[in-house]
Protein backbone atom coordinates (compact mmCIF):
# COMPACT_ATOMS: atom_id res chain seq x y z
CA MET A 1 -2.26 -13.06 -0.45
CA ASN A 2 -1.94 -13.83 3.23
CA VAL A 3 -4.11 -11.55 5.40
CA SER A 4 -3.66 -11.57 9.17
CA ILE A 5 -6.13 -9.62 11.33
CA SER A 6 -5.53 -9.16 15.04
CA GLY A 7 -6.91 -6.99 17.81
CA HIS A 8 -5.25 -5.06 20.61
CA HIS A 9 -7.52 -4.26 23.59
CA ILE A 10 -10.48 -5.20 21.42
CA SER A 11 -12.09 -8.43 20.25
CA ILE A 12 -12.43 -8.81 16.48
CA THR A 13 -16.01 -9.47 15.42
CA GLU A 14 -17.08 -11.19 12.20
CA ALA A 15 -18.38 -7.87 10.88
CA MET A 16 -15.00 -6.17 11.45
CA GLU A 17 -13.13 -9.02 9.80
CA THR A 18 -15.51 -8.97 6.82
CA ALA A 19 -15.14 -5.18 6.48
CA VAL A 20 -11.34 -5.44 6.49
CA ARG A 21 -11.27 -8.27 3.93
CA GLU A 22 -13.70 -6.49 1.60
CA LYS A 23 -11.67 -3.27 1.71
CA LEU A 24 -8.39 -5.11 1.12
CA GLU A 25 -9.83 -6.79 -2.00
CA LYS A 26 -9.70 -3.35 -3.68
CA VAL A 27 -6.00 -3.08 -2.86
CA GLU A 28 -5.35 -6.53 -4.28
CA ARG A 29 -7.13 -5.59 -7.53
CA HIS A 30 -4.62 -2.81 -8.12
CA PHE A 31 -1.50 -4.88 -7.43
CA ASP A 32 -1.36 -8.67 -7.51
CA GLN A 33 2.21 -9.19 -6.21
CA ILE A 34 1.31 -8.65 -2.55
CA GLN A 35 2.92 -11.23 -0.27
CA SER A 36 1.11 -10.49 2.98
CA ILE A 37 -0.93 -7.91 4.85
CA GLN A 38 -1.01 -7.69 8.64
CA VAL A 39 -3.90 -5.64 10.06
CA ILE A 40 -4.05 -4.58 13.71
CA LEU A 41 -7.27 -3.08 15.06
CA SER A 42 -6.97 -1.46 18.46
CA LEU A 43 -8.79 0.66 20.98
CA ASP A 44 -6.66 3.50 22.30
CA ASN A 45 -7.68 4.81 25.72
CA SER A 46 -5.68 8.00 25.96
CA GLY A 47 -5.69 10.21 29.03
CA SER A 48 -8.42 12.44 27.61
CA GLY A 49 -11.06 9.84 28.36
CA LYS A 50 -12.08 9.76 24.71
CA LYS A 51 -11.92 6.32 23.16
CA SER A 52 -10.25 6.32 19.80
CA HIS A 53 -10.25 3.42 17.38
CA LYS A 54 -7.08 2.75 15.43
CA ALA A 55 -6.57 0.61 12.33
CA GLU A 56 -3.02 -0.20 11.18
CA ALA A 57 -1.78 -2.24 8.26
CA ILE A 58 1.63 -3.50 7.18
CA LEU A 59 1.73 -4.62 3.56
CA ARG A 60 4.68 -6.61 2.21
CA VAL A 61 5.72 -6.93 -1.42
CA SER A 62 9.10 -8.16 -2.62
CA GLY A 63 11.71 -5.67 -1.50
CA GLN A 64 9.23 -3.22 0.04
CA GLU A 65 7.13 -2.80 3.17
CA MET A 66 4.32 -0.25 3.46
CA PHE A 67 2.77 0.95 6.71
CA VAL A 68 -0.44 2.94 7.21
CA GLN A 69 -2.54 3.82 10.22
CA SER A 70 -5.79 5.64 10.81
CA TYR A 71 -7.61 6.97 13.88
CA ASP A 72 -11.32 7.64 14.20
CA ASP A 73 -14.18 7.55 16.72
CA ASP A 74 -15.80 4.74 14.71
CA MET A 75 -13.83 1.54 13.96
CA TYR A 76 -15.42 1.09 10.53
CA LYS A 77 -14.46 4.63 9.49
CA ALA A 78 -10.91 3.94 10.65
CA ILE A 79 -10.87 0.71 8.58
CA ASN A 80 -12.13 2.55 5.49
CA ASP A 81 -9.57 5.32 5.88
CA MET A 82 -6.76 2.80 6.46
CA ALA A 83 -7.73 0.87 3.31
CA ASP A 84 -7.87 4.10 1.26
CA LYS A 85 -4.40 5.13 2.42
CA LEU A 86 -3.02 1.69 1.64
CA ASN A 87 -4.67 1.77 -1.79
CA ARG A 88 -2.98 5.12 -2.56
CA GLN A 89 0.43 3.82 -1.48
CA VAL A 90 0.08 0.65 -3.58
CA ARG A 91 -0.97 2.63 -6.68
CA LYS A 92 1.95 5.02 -6.19
CA TYR A 93 4.38 2.10 -5.80
CA LYS A 94 3.00 0.40 -8.91
CA THR A 95 3.30 3.62 -10.93
CA ARG A 96 6.90 4.01 -9.76
CA LEU A 97 7.70 0.44 -10.85
CA GLU A 98 6.13 0.97 -14.28
CA ARG A 99 7.98 4.24 -14.75
CA LYS A 100 11.31 2.54 -13.94
CA LYS A 101 10.52 -0.20 -16.43
CA THR A 102 9.79 2.20 -19.30
CA GLN A 103 12.71 4.53 -18.59
CA GLY A 104 15.24 1.71 -18.49
CA ALA A 105 14.12 0.23 -21.80
CA GLY A 106 14.49 3.25 -24.08
CA ARG A 107 17.29 5.58 -25.03
CA ASP A 108 17.75 8.71 -23.04
CA GLY A 109 18.99 11.22 -25.66
CA ARG A 110 22.69 11.09 -24.81
CA TYR A 111 23.33 8.83 -27.80
CA GLN A 112 22.76 9.87 -31.37
CA ASP A 113 20.78 7.71 -33.70
CA LEU A 114 23.28 5.93 -35.97
CA SER A 115 20.72 5.46 -38.72
CA SER A 116 20.39 9.22 -39.28
CA GLY A 117 23.94 9.48 -40.66
CA ASP A 118 25.43 11.27 -37.65
CA THR A 119 28.47 9.53 -36.32
CA ALA A 120 29.25 9.23 -32.67
CA PRO A 121 32.73 10.31 -31.61
CA ALA A 122 35.19 7.47 -31.27
CA VAL A 123 36.13 6.62 -27.73
C-alpha cells in the first residue's frame, strides 16, 4: 500500500506522520486490496479567526475511489475521525463486494429444482 502524506499551510511533523500511519494500519487490516492512500493535512484559516484543522484522505482500490474529510480544533482528533470514517467506508465496500459474490453464485428462486421432479416449461 502506497501512503502519501502532505500538508497544506502546515508542516508535517514526525508525530503527525506516525499518527496517520498507525491509524491507516487499521484500515489496511480490514481490506488488503488497497492500491494507494493520499492524506492531506491542512490548517484552514476561515474568516471567523478560529483555526480549524482538516484531515482529508483519498483511498484508491481497483475500480473505486473513496474520499473522506474531517474538521476539528485539534489535528490529532481530526486524524482519528478521518481514519474512522475511512474505516467505515472500506468495511461497507468490502461487505458490498462479498454480498455481490454470494448472490451471483447461487440460484435466485426463478428456476425450479430439476431434481425434485418438477419440470420447467419448454422454451
